Amino acid sequence: MPYPPRPPLSALPEFAGTALPHPNPAVQRRVESFVVEQYRAGRSLREIAELTDRSFSAVRNILHKHGVGRRGPGAGRIEKVIADS
């Protein structure tokens, strides 16, 4: 049985409509800061792209520009915690 699709996220009001060919430098700095912060917190590229009203590629390029290493594809592994007996 396939999983239902994830509902898309709406762009945050501070970023909606700001993806322009020559964006305001202050807005672009805020977007870049938000992208790096959210990616490090565990959000996916696709989620961040939707929240910032940017493309997947734009988010990926921002991470590259700031030297943020990419995670591997797929969900993170859940490690079993084994209590010492």
Protein backbone atom coordinates (compact mmCIF):
# COMPACT_ATOMS: atom_id res chain seq x y z
CA MET A 1 0.00 0.00 0.00
CA PRO A 2 1.60 3.34 -1.00
CA TYR A 3 1.93 6.16 1.47
CA PRO A 4 -0.28 9.21 0.90
CA PRO A 5 1.60 12.25 -0.43
CA ARG A 6 2.89 14.81 2.03
CA PRO A 7 0.82 18.00 1.88
CA PRO A 8 2.90 20.89 0.54
CA LEU A 9 3.93 23.61 2.95
CA SER A 10 3.04 27.27 2.39
CA ALA A 11 5.80 29.85 2.08
CA LEU A 12 6.40 31.81 5.25
CA PRO A 13 5.03 35.37 4.96
CA GLU A 14 8.50 36.94 5.28
CA PHE A 15 9.73 34.97 2.24
CA ALA A 16 6.61 34.79 0.04
CA GLY A 17 7.18 36.52 -3.29
CA THR A 18 10.84 37.38 -2.59
CA ALA A 19 12.40 34.96 -5.09
CA LEU A 20 13.43 37.57 -7.64
CA PRO A 21 16.33 37.71 -10.13
CA HIS A 22 17.90 40.51 -8.04
CA PRO A 23 16.58 40.04 -4.50
CA ASN A 24 16.98 42.58 -1.74
CA PRO A 25 20.38 41.77 -0.11
CA ALA A 26 18.91 41.91 3.41
CA VAL A 27 16.14 39.46 2.48
CA GLN A 28 18.64 37.17 0.73
CA ARG A 29 20.87 37.09 3.84
CA ARG A 30 17.82 36.20 5.96
CA VAL A 31 16.81 33.45 3.51
CA GLU A 32 20.33 32.00 3.50
CA SER A 33 20.52 32.08 7.30
CA PHE A 34 17.11 30.38 7.54
CA VAL A 35 18.08 27.69 5.00
CA VAL A 36 21.30 26.76 6.83
CA GLU A 37 19.61 26.83 10.24
CA GLN A 38 16.65 24.69 9.16
CA TYR A 39 18.77 22.16 7.26
CA ARG A 40 21.02 21.69 10.29
CA ALA A 41 17.87 21.26 12.41
CA GLY A 42 16.82 18.33 10.20
CA ARG A 43 14.37 19.75 7.63
CA SER A 44 14.56 18.39 4.09
CA LEU A 45 15.62 20.46 1.09
CA ARG A 46 12.12 20.18 -0.32
CA GLU A 47 10.50 21.45 2.89
CA ILE A 48 12.91 24.38 3.10
CA ALA A 49 12.30 25.23 -0.56
CA GLU A 50 8.55 25.37 0.06
CA LEU A 51 8.93 27.48 3.22
CA THR A 52 11.24 30.02 1.55
CA ASP A 53 9.42 30.17 -1.80
CA ARG A 54 12.61 29.02 -3.52
CA SER A 55 13.41 26.10 -5.80
CA PHE A 56 15.03 22.89 -4.62
CA SER A 57 18.15 23.88 -6.60
CA ALA A 58 18.29 27.33 -5.03
CA VAL A 59 18.26 25.78 -1.55
CA ARG A 60 20.94 23.27 -2.56
CA ASN A 61 23.10 26.10 -3.96
CA ILE A 62 22.75 28.12 -0.74
CA LEU A 63 23.94 25.13 1.30
CA HIS A 64 26.90 24.68 -1.06
CA LYS A 65 27.76 28.40 -0.86
CA HIS A 66 27.90 28.16 2.96
CA GLY A 67 29.90 24.91 2.97
CA VAL A 68 27.14 22.86 4.58
CA GLY A 69 27.59 19.15 3.87
CA ARG A 70 24.57 17.32 2.51
CA ARG A 71 22.98 14.36 4.25
CA GLY A 72 22.48 11.13 2.38
CA PRO A 73 19.14 10.42 0.70
CA GLY A 74 16.26 8.94 2.66
CA ALA A 75 15.22 9.15 6.27
CA GLY A 76 17.81 9.04 9.03
CA ARG A 77 18.52 5.79 10.79
CA ILE A 78 16.96 5.14 14.16
CA GLU A 79 19.51 3.56 16.47
CA LYS A 80 18.38 1.08 19.08
CA VAL A 81 19.41 2.00 22.58
CA ILE A 82 20.59 -1.06 24.43
CA ALA A 83 20.72 -0.68 28.20
CA ASP A 84 23.84 -2.01 29.87
CA SER A 85 22.94 -4.99 32.00
